[in-house]
């Protein structure tokens, strides 16, 4: 699931990565792009064995890929729900522990616009390779 706003420059990198993977037509892989996480997504996510959330981030070295273990803070507000919240809702409402992985790519510019920085595209392409290797395993 690619997360991000495609008219906020590098914030659109989640959509870029998800669309690139979707174009590969990998067996047993479904892709979805969303503007932001919402608790309503849990009902869809519990159908899958593995969920990978792909998003732009600010405070990471270049690429971060890790499993979500459900021990983090489940923060939410009217405009922000994090992956931990989705994990917590799935567990509480559906008695299911989601197998979620987070793939974050460092972004540089989150201003209004549709241009993604060249360095961010490079990191995104590296993330795509990493995700394809993970999927094939």
N, C-alpha and C. Protein backbone atom coordinates (compact mmCIF):
# COMPACT_ATOMS: atom_id res chain seq x y z
N UNK A 1 0.85 -1.17 0.00
CA UNK A 1 0.00 0.00 0.00
C UNK A 1 0.89 1.23 0.00
N UNK A 2 0.82 2.00 -1.06
CA UNK A 2 1.55 3.25 -1.14
C UNK A 2 0.75 4.34 -0.47
N UNK A 3 1.40 5.11 0.37
CA UNK A 3 0.74 6.17 1.12
C UNK A 3 1.38 7.50 0.73
N UNK A 4 0.55 8.51 0.48
CA UNK A 4 1.10 9.82 0.24
C UNK A 4 0.28 10.68 -0.68
N UNK A 5 0.62 11.93 -0.67
CA UNK A 5 -0.07 12.94 -1.46
C UNK A 5 0.79 13.27 -2.68
N UNK A 6 0.32 12.92 -3.84
CA UNK A 6 1.10 13.09 -5.07
C UNK A 6 1.27 14.55 -5.49
N UNK A 7 0.58 15.46 -4.84
CA UNK A 7 0.79 16.88 -5.16
C UNK A 7 1.57 17.59 -4.05
N UNK A 8 2.30 16.80 -3.25
CA UNK A 8 3.19 17.35 -2.23
C UNK A 8 4.61 16.84 -2.48
N UNK A 9 5.05 16.96 -3.72
CA UNK A 9 6.41 16.59 -4.15
C UNK A 9 6.80 15.19 -3.67
N UNK A 10 7.84 15.08 -2.84
CA UNK A 10 8.38 13.78 -2.45
C UNK A 10 7.40 12.91 -1.66
N UNK A 11 6.33 13.51 -1.14
CA UNK A 11 5.33 12.73 -0.42
C UNK A 11 4.65 11.73 -1.34
N UNK A 12 4.74 11.92 -2.64
CA UNK A 12 4.14 11.00 -3.61
C UNK A 12 4.97 9.77 -3.89
N UNK A 13 6.08 9.58 -3.22
CA UNK A 13 6.97 8.46 -3.53
C UNK A 13 6.35 7.11 -3.20
N UNK A 14 5.46 7.05 -2.22
CA UNK A 14 4.76 5.80 -1.91
C UNK A 14 3.92 5.34 -3.09
N UNK A 15 3.24 6.28 -3.73
CA UNK A 15 2.44 5.97 -4.92
C UNK A 15 3.34 5.52 -6.07
N UNK A 16 4.46 6.21 -6.25
CA UNK A 16 5.41 5.84 -7.31
C UNK A 16 5.87 4.39 -7.15
N UNK A 17 6.25 4.03 -5.94
CA UNK A 17 6.75 2.68 -5.68
C UNK A 17 5.65 1.64 -5.89
N UNK A 18 4.48 1.92 -5.36
CA UNK A 18 3.36 0.98 -5.50
C UNK A 18 2.98 0.79 -6.96
N UNK A 19 2.93 1.87 -7.72
CA UNK A 19 2.59 1.78 -9.14
C UNK A 19 3.64 0.99 -9.91
N UNK A 20 4.91 1.16 -9.56
CA UNK A 20 5.98 0.41 -10.24
C UNK A 20 5.85 -1.08 -9.96
N UNK A 21 5.54 -1.44 -8.73
CA UNK A 21 5.38 -2.86 -8.39
C UNK A 21 4.13 -3.42 -9.04
N UNK A 22 3.07 -2.65 -9.06
CA UNK A 22 1.83 -3.11 -9.69
C UNK A 22 2.05 -3.38 -11.18
N UNK A 23 2.86 -2.55 -11.84
CA UNK A 23 3.13 -2.72 -13.27
C UNK A 23 3.89 -4.01 -13.58
N UNK A 24 4.48 -4.62 -12.56
CA UNK A 24 5.21 -5.88 -12.75
C UNK A 24 4.28 -7.09 -12.78
N UNK A 25 3.03 -6.91 -12.40
CA UNK A 25 2.02 -7.98 -12.40
C UNK A 25 2.52 -9.23 -11.69
N UNK A 26 3.03 -9.04 -10.48
CA UNK A 26 3.54 -10.17 -9.69
C UNK A 26 2.38 -11.01 -9.18
N UNK A 27 2.59 -12.31 -9.24
CA UNK A 27 1.56 -13.24 -8.78
C UNK A 27 1.31 -13.08 -7.28
N UNK A 28 0.06 -13.09 -6.88
CA UNK A 28 -0.36 -12.99 -5.47
C UNK A 28 0.01 -11.66 -4.82
N UNK A 29 0.19 -10.63 -5.62
CA UNK A 29 0.49 -9.30 -5.08
C UNK A 29 -0.57 -8.33 -5.56
N UNK A 30 -1.21 -7.65 -4.62
CA UNK A 30 -2.18 -6.61 -4.95
C UNK A 30 -1.66 -5.29 -4.41
N UNK A 31 -1.85 -4.24 -5.18
CA UNK A 31 -1.36 -2.92 -4.79
C UNK A 31 -2.51 -1.95 -4.64
N UNK A 32 -2.34 -1.05 -3.70
CA UNK A 32 -3.32 -0.02 -3.43
C UNK A 32 -2.56 1.25 -3.07
N UNK A 33 -3.06 2.37 -3.52
CA UNK A 33 -2.47 3.66 -3.17
C UNK A 33 -3.52 4.48 -2.45
N UNK A 34 -3.12 5.06 -1.32
CA UNK A 34 -4.04 5.89 -0.53
C UNK A 34 -3.36 7.21 -0.20
N UNK A 35 -4.18 8.21 -0.01
CA UNK A 35 -3.69 9.54 0.35
C UNK A 35 -3.15 9.55 1.77
N UNK A 36 -3.86 8.86 2.68
CA UNK A 36 -3.43 8.75 4.07
C UNK A 36 -4.06 7.52 4.68
N UNK A 37 -3.51 7.06 5.79
CA UNK A 37 -4.07 5.91 6.48
C UNK A 37 -5.38 6.29 7.16
N UNK A 38 -6.31 5.34 7.15
CA UNK A 38 -7.59 5.52 7.83
C UNK A 38 -7.95 4.20 8.49
N UNK A 39 -8.63 4.26 9.61
CA UNK A 39 -8.99 3.02 10.31
C UNK A 39 -9.89 2.13 9.46
N UNK A 40 -10.63 2.72 8.54
CA UNK A 40 -11.50 1.94 7.67
C UNK A 40 -10.72 0.95 6.80
N UNK A 41 -9.44 1.18 6.61
CA UNK A 41 -8.61 0.29 5.80
C UNK A 41 -8.39 -1.06 6.47
N UNK A 42 -8.54 -1.14 7.77
CA UNK A 42 -8.27 -2.38 8.50
C UNK A 42 -9.12 -3.52 7.96
N UNK A 43 -10.38 -3.25 7.68
CA UNK A 43 -11.27 -4.30 7.18
C UNK A 43 -10.74 -4.91 5.88
N UNK A 44 -10.08 -4.12 5.06
CA UNK A 44 -9.46 -4.62 3.83
C UNK A 44 -8.14 -5.34 4.14
N UNK A 45 -7.34 -4.76 5.01
CA UNK A 45 -6.01 -5.30 5.30
C UNK A 45 -6.04 -6.67 5.95
N UNK A 46 -7.06 -6.97 6.74
CA UNK A 46 -7.09 -8.27 7.44
C UNK A 46 -7.26 -9.43 6.47
N UNK A 47 -7.56 -9.16 5.22
CA UNK A 47 -7.71 -10.21 4.21
C UNK A 47 -6.37 -10.76 3.73
N UNK A 48 -5.27 -10.05 4.03
CA UNK A 48 -3.97 -10.40 3.46
C UNK A 48 -3.04 -11.04 4.48
N UNK A 49 -2.19 -11.92 3.99
CA UNK A 49 -1.20 -12.57 4.85
C UNK A 49 -0.10 -11.60 5.25
N UNK A 50 0.31 -10.74 4.33
CA UNK A 50 1.37 -9.76 4.58
C UNK A 50 0.93 -8.44 3.97
N UNK A 51 1.16 -7.36 4.70
CA UNK A 51 0.86 -6.01 4.22
C UNK A 51 2.15 -5.20 4.33
N UNK A 52 2.50 -4.53 3.24
CA UNK A 52 3.66 -3.64 3.24
C UNK A 52 3.15 -2.22 3.01
N UNK A 53 3.43 -1.35 3.96
CA UNK A 53 3.08 0.06 3.84
C UNK A 53 4.30 0.81 3.35
N UNK A 54 4.16 1.57 2.27
CA UNK A 54 5.27 2.30 1.67
C UNK A 54 4.96 3.78 1.75
N UNK A 55 5.89 4.55 2.32
CA UNK A 55 5.62 5.97 2.53
C UNK A 55 6.92 6.75 2.52
N UNK A 56 6.81 8.04 2.31
CA UNK A 56 7.94 8.96 2.44
C UNK A 56 8.13 9.27 3.92
N UNK A 57 9.36 9.56 4.30
CA UNK A 57 9.67 9.90 5.68
C UNK A 57 10.71 11.01 5.69
N UNK A 58 10.87 11.62 6.84
CA UNK A 58 11.84 12.70 6.94
C UNK A 58 13.06 12.28 7.74
N UNK A 59 12.87 11.73 8.90
CA UNK A 59 13.99 11.48 9.82
C UNK A 59 14.49 10.05 9.77
N UNK A 60 14.90 9.60 8.59
CA UNK A 60 15.54 8.29 8.43
C UNK A 60 16.77 8.50 7.56
N UNK A 61 17.72 7.57 7.60
CA UNK A 61 18.93 7.73 6.77
C UNK A 61 18.62 7.80 5.27
N UNK A 62 18.10 6.73 4.68
CA UNK A 62 17.72 6.74 3.26
C UNK A 62 16.50 5.87 3.03
N UNK A 63 16.59 4.60 3.43
CA UNK A 63 15.48 3.65 3.31
C UNK A 63 15.40 2.88 4.61
N UNK A 64 14.20 2.73 5.09
CA UNK A 64 13.99 1.92 6.29
C UNK A 64 12.95 0.86 5.94
N UNK A 65 13.27 -0.40 6.22
CA UNK A 65 12.32 -1.50 5.99
C UNK A 65 12.34 -2.37 7.22
N UNK A 66 11.19 -2.48 7.87
CA UNK A 66 11.14 -3.25 9.12
C UNK A 66 9.74 -3.78 9.36
N UNK A 67 9.66 -4.88 10.10
CA UNK A 67 8.33 -5.36 10.47
C UNK A 67 7.74 -4.49 11.57
N UNK A 68 6.45 -4.40 11.58
CA UNK A 68 5.74 -3.71 12.65
C UNK A 68 5.40 -4.76 13.68
N UNK A 69 5.81 -4.54 14.90
CA UNK A 69 5.59 -5.57 15.91
C UNK A 69 4.45 -5.26 16.87
N UNK A 70 3.77 -4.15 16.67
CA UNK A 70 2.63 -3.83 17.50
C UNK A 70 2.97 -3.29 18.87
N UNK A 71 4.23 -2.94 19.10
CA UNK A 71 4.60 -2.43 20.42
C UNK A 71 4.79 -0.92 20.46
N UNK A 72 4.60 -0.27 19.32
CA UNK A 72 4.78 1.18 19.28
C UNK A 72 3.53 1.91 19.73
N UNK A 73 3.58 3.19 19.63
CA UNK A 73 2.48 4.05 20.05
C UNK A 73 1.43 4.15 18.95
N UNK A 74 0.19 3.88 19.29
CA UNK A 74 -0.91 3.95 18.34
C UNK A 74 -1.49 5.36 18.34
N UNK A 75 -0.82 6.26 17.65
CA UNK A 75 -1.23 7.66 17.62
C UNK A 75 -2.30 7.90 16.58
N UNK A 76 -3.19 8.81 16.91
CA UNK A 76 -4.17 9.22 15.91
C UNK A 76 -4.67 10.61 16.23
N UNK A 77 -5.13 11.28 15.22
CA UNK A 77 -5.80 12.56 15.34
C UNK A 77 -6.77 12.63 14.18
N UNK A 78 -7.41 13.74 14.00
CA UNK A 78 -8.36 13.82 12.89
C UNK A 78 -7.67 13.74 11.53
N UNK A 79 -6.35 14.00 11.49
CA UNK A 79 -5.65 14.00 10.20
C UNK A 79 -4.54 12.96 10.10
N UNK A 80 -4.29 12.20 11.16
CA UNK A 80 -3.15 11.30 11.13
C UNK A 80 -3.43 10.02 11.90
N UNK A 81 -3.29 8.92 11.22
CA UNK A 81 -3.36 7.60 11.86
C UNK A 81 -2.11 6.87 11.41
N UNK A 82 -1.38 6.31 12.35
CA UNK A 82 -0.17 5.61 11.96
C UNK A 82 -0.41 4.10 11.85
N UNK A 83 0.60 3.38 11.39
CA UNK A 83 0.48 1.94 11.18
C UNK A 83 0.20 1.21 12.48
N UNK A 84 0.74 1.71 13.57
CA UNK A 84 0.48 1.08 14.88
C UNK A 84 -1.02 1.12 15.20
N UNK A 85 -1.70 2.19 14.81
CA UNK A 85 -3.14 2.29 15.05
C UNK A 85 -3.88 1.22 14.25
N UNK A 86 -3.48 1.01 12.99
CA UNK A 86 -4.11 -0.03 12.18
C UNK A 86 -3.91 -1.40 12.83
N UNK A 87 -2.70 -1.65 13.30
CA UNK A 87 -2.39 -2.91 13.97
C UNK A 87 -3.30 -3.08 15.19
N UNK A 88 -3.42 -2.04 16.00
CA UNK A 88 -4.22 -2.10 17.23
C UNK A 88 -5.70 -2.31 16.92
N UNK A 89 -6.22 -1.64 15.90
CA UNK A 89 -7.64 -1.80 15.54
C UNK A 89 -7.90 -3.22 15.05
N UNK A 90 -7.02 -3.76 14.23
CA UNK A 90 -7.19 -5.14 13.74
C UNK A 90 -7.21 -6.12 14.89
N UNK A 91 -6.34 -5.91 15.86
CA UNK A 91 -6.26 -6.81 16.99
C UNK A 91 -7.49 -6.70 17.90
N UNK A 92 -7.91 -5.47 18.17
CA UNK A 92 -9.04 -5.25 19.09
C UNK A 92 -10.40 -5.58 18.45
N UNK A 93 -10.61 -5.14 17.22
CA UNK A 93 -11.93 -5.31 16.60
C UNK A 93 -12.10 -6.64 15.88
N UNK A 94 -11.01 -7.17 15.31
CA UNK A 94 -11.13 -8.37 14.49
C UNK A 94 -10.35 -9.55 15.05
N UNK A 95 -9.71 -9.36 16.19
CA UNK A 95 -8.92 -10.40 16.84
C UNK A 95 -7.90 -11.00 15.87
N UNK A 96 -7.27 -10.12 15.10
CA UNK A 96 -6.27 -10.55 14.13
C UNK A 96 -5.04 -9.67 14.25
N UNK A 97 -3.88 -10.32 14.31
CA UNK A 97 -2.62 -9.58 14.31
C UNK A 97 -2.15 -9.45 12.87
N UNK A 98 -2.13 -8.23 12.40
CA UNK A 98 -1.68 -7.99 11.03
C UNK A 98 -0.18 -8.23 10.92
N UNK A 99 0.23 -8.79 9.82
CA UNK A 99 1.64 -8.99 9.51
C UNK A 99 2.05 -7.81 8.62
N UNK A 100 2.40 -6.69 9.28
CA UNK A 100 2.68 -5.44 8.56
C UNK A 100 4.17 -5.14 8.56
N UNK A 101 4.63 -4.71 7.39
CA UNK A 101 5.99 -4.21 7.25
C UNK A 101 5.91 -2.75 6.82
N UNK A 102 6.84 -1.96 7.30
CA UNK A 102 6.92 -0.56 6.93
C UNK A 102 8.14 -0.34 6.05
N UNK A 103 7.93 0.29 4.91
CA UNK A 103 9.03 0.66 4.04
C UNK A 103 8.97 2.17 3.87
N UNK A 104 9.94 2.86 4.45
CA UNK A 104 9.98 4.32 4.37
C UNK A 104 11.17 4.74 3.52
N UNK A 105 10.93 5.74 2.69
CA UNK A 105 11.96 6.30 1.82
C UNK A 105 12.12 7.76 2.21
N UNK A 106 13.36 8.16 2.44
CA UNK A 106 13.60 9.54 2.86
C UNK A 106 13.24 10.52 1.74
N UNK A 107 12.38 11.46 2.10
CA UNK A 107 12.01 12.54 1.19
C UNK A 107 12.76 13.81 1.56
N UNK A 108 12.78 14.74 0.64
CA UNK A 108 13.51 15.99 0.87
C UNK A 108 12.60 17.21 0.79
N UNK A 109 11.59 17.16 -0.06
CA UNK A 109 10.74 18.32 -0.29
C UNK A 109 9.28 17.90 -0.22
N UNK A 110 8.54 18.50 0.70
CA UNK A 110 7.13 18.17 0.88
C UNK A 110 6.22 19.38 0.61
N UNK A 111 6.75 20.32 -0.15
CA UNK A 111 5.98 21.50 -0.53
C UNK A 111 4.97 21.11 -1.62
N UNK A 112 4.07 22.02 -1.94
CA UNK A 112 3.11 21.77 -3.01
C UNK A 112 3.85 21.66 -4.34
N UNK A 113 3.47 20.68 -5.13
CA UNK A 113 4.08 20.45 -6.43
C UNK A 113 4.06 18.97 -6.75
N UNK A 114 4.40 18.65 -7.98
CA UNK A 114 4.37 17.25 -8.42
C UNK A 114 5.75 16.71 -8.77
N UNK A 115 6.80 17.46 -8.45
CA UNK A 115 8.15 17.06 -8.79
C UNK A 115 8.79 16.32 -7.63
N UNK A 116 9.26 15.12 -7.92
CA UNK A 116 9.98 14.32 -6.92
C UNK A 116 11.47 14.49 -7.20
N UNK A 117 12.24 14.72 -6.16
CA UNK A 117 13.69 14.94 -6.29
C UNK A 117 14.38 13.71 -6.88
N UNK A 118 15.39 13.94 -7.70
CA UNK A 118 16.14 12.85 -8.34
C UNK A 118 16.71 11.88 -7.31
N UNK A 119 17.26 12.40 -6.21
CA UNK A 119 17.83 11.53 -5.17
C UNK A 119 16.74 10.66 -4.54
N UNK A 120 15.53 11.18 -4.44
CA UNK A 120 14.42 10.41 -3.87
C UNK A 120 14.01 9.31 -4.83
N UNK A 121 13.99 9.60 -6.14
CA UNK A 121 13.74 8.55 -7.13
C UNK A 121 14.78 7.43 -7.02
N UNK A 122 16.04 7.79 -6.82
CA UNK A 122 17.09 6.78 -6.68
C UNK A 122 16.83 5.90 -5.46
N UNK A 123 16.49 6.53 -4.34
CA UNK A 123 16.17 5.75 -3.13
C UNK A 123 14.94 4.89 -3.36
N UNK A 124 13.95 5.43 -4.06
CA UNK A 124 12.73 4.68 -4.34
C UNK A 124 13.03 3.45 -5.20
N UNK A 125 13.88 3.60 -6.20
CA UNK A 125 14.24 2.46 -7.04
C UNK A 125 14.98 1.40 -6.23
N UNK A 126 15.81 1.82 -5.30
CA UNK A 126 16.47 0.86 -4.40
C UNK A 126 15.44 0.17 -3.51
N UNK A 127 14.46 0.92 -3.05
CA UNK A 127 13.40 0.34 -2.21
C UNK A 127 12.58 -0.67 -3.02
N UNK A 128 12.31 -0.37 -4.28
CA UNK A 128 11.58 -1.31 -5.13
C UNK A 128 12.35 -2.62 -5.24
N UNK A 129 13.64 -2.56 -5.46
CA UNK A 129 14.46 -3.78 -5.54
C UNK A 129 14.40 -4.55 -4.24
N UNK A 130 14.51 -3.85 -3.12
CA UNK A 130 14.44 -4.48 -1.81
C UNK A 130 13.09 -5.16 -1.62
N UNK A 131 12.01 -4.49 -1.99
CA UNK A 131 10.66 -5.06 -1.83
C UNK A 131 10.44 -6.25 -2.74
N UNK A 132 10.93 -6.19 -3.96
CA UNK A 132 10.78 -7.32 -4.89
C UNK A 132 11.51 -8.53 -4.34
N UNK A 133 12.71 -8.35 -3.83
CA UNK A 133 13.45 -9.47 -3.21
C UNK A 133 12.67 -10.03 -2.03
N UNK A 134 12.09 -9.17 -1.21
CA UNK A 134 11.30 -9.61 -0.05
C UNK A 134 10.06 -10.40 -0.52
N UNK A 135 9.37 -9.89 -1.52
CA UNK A 135 8.17 -10.55 -2.04
C UNK A 135 8.52 -11.92 -2.59
N UNK A 136 9.62 -12.01 -3.32
CA UNK A 136 10.02 -13.30 -3.93
C UNK A 136 10.41 -14.34 -2.89
N UNK A 137 10.87 -13.88 -1.72
CA UNK A 137 11.21 -14.83 -0.65
C UNK A 137 9.94 -15.47 -0.14
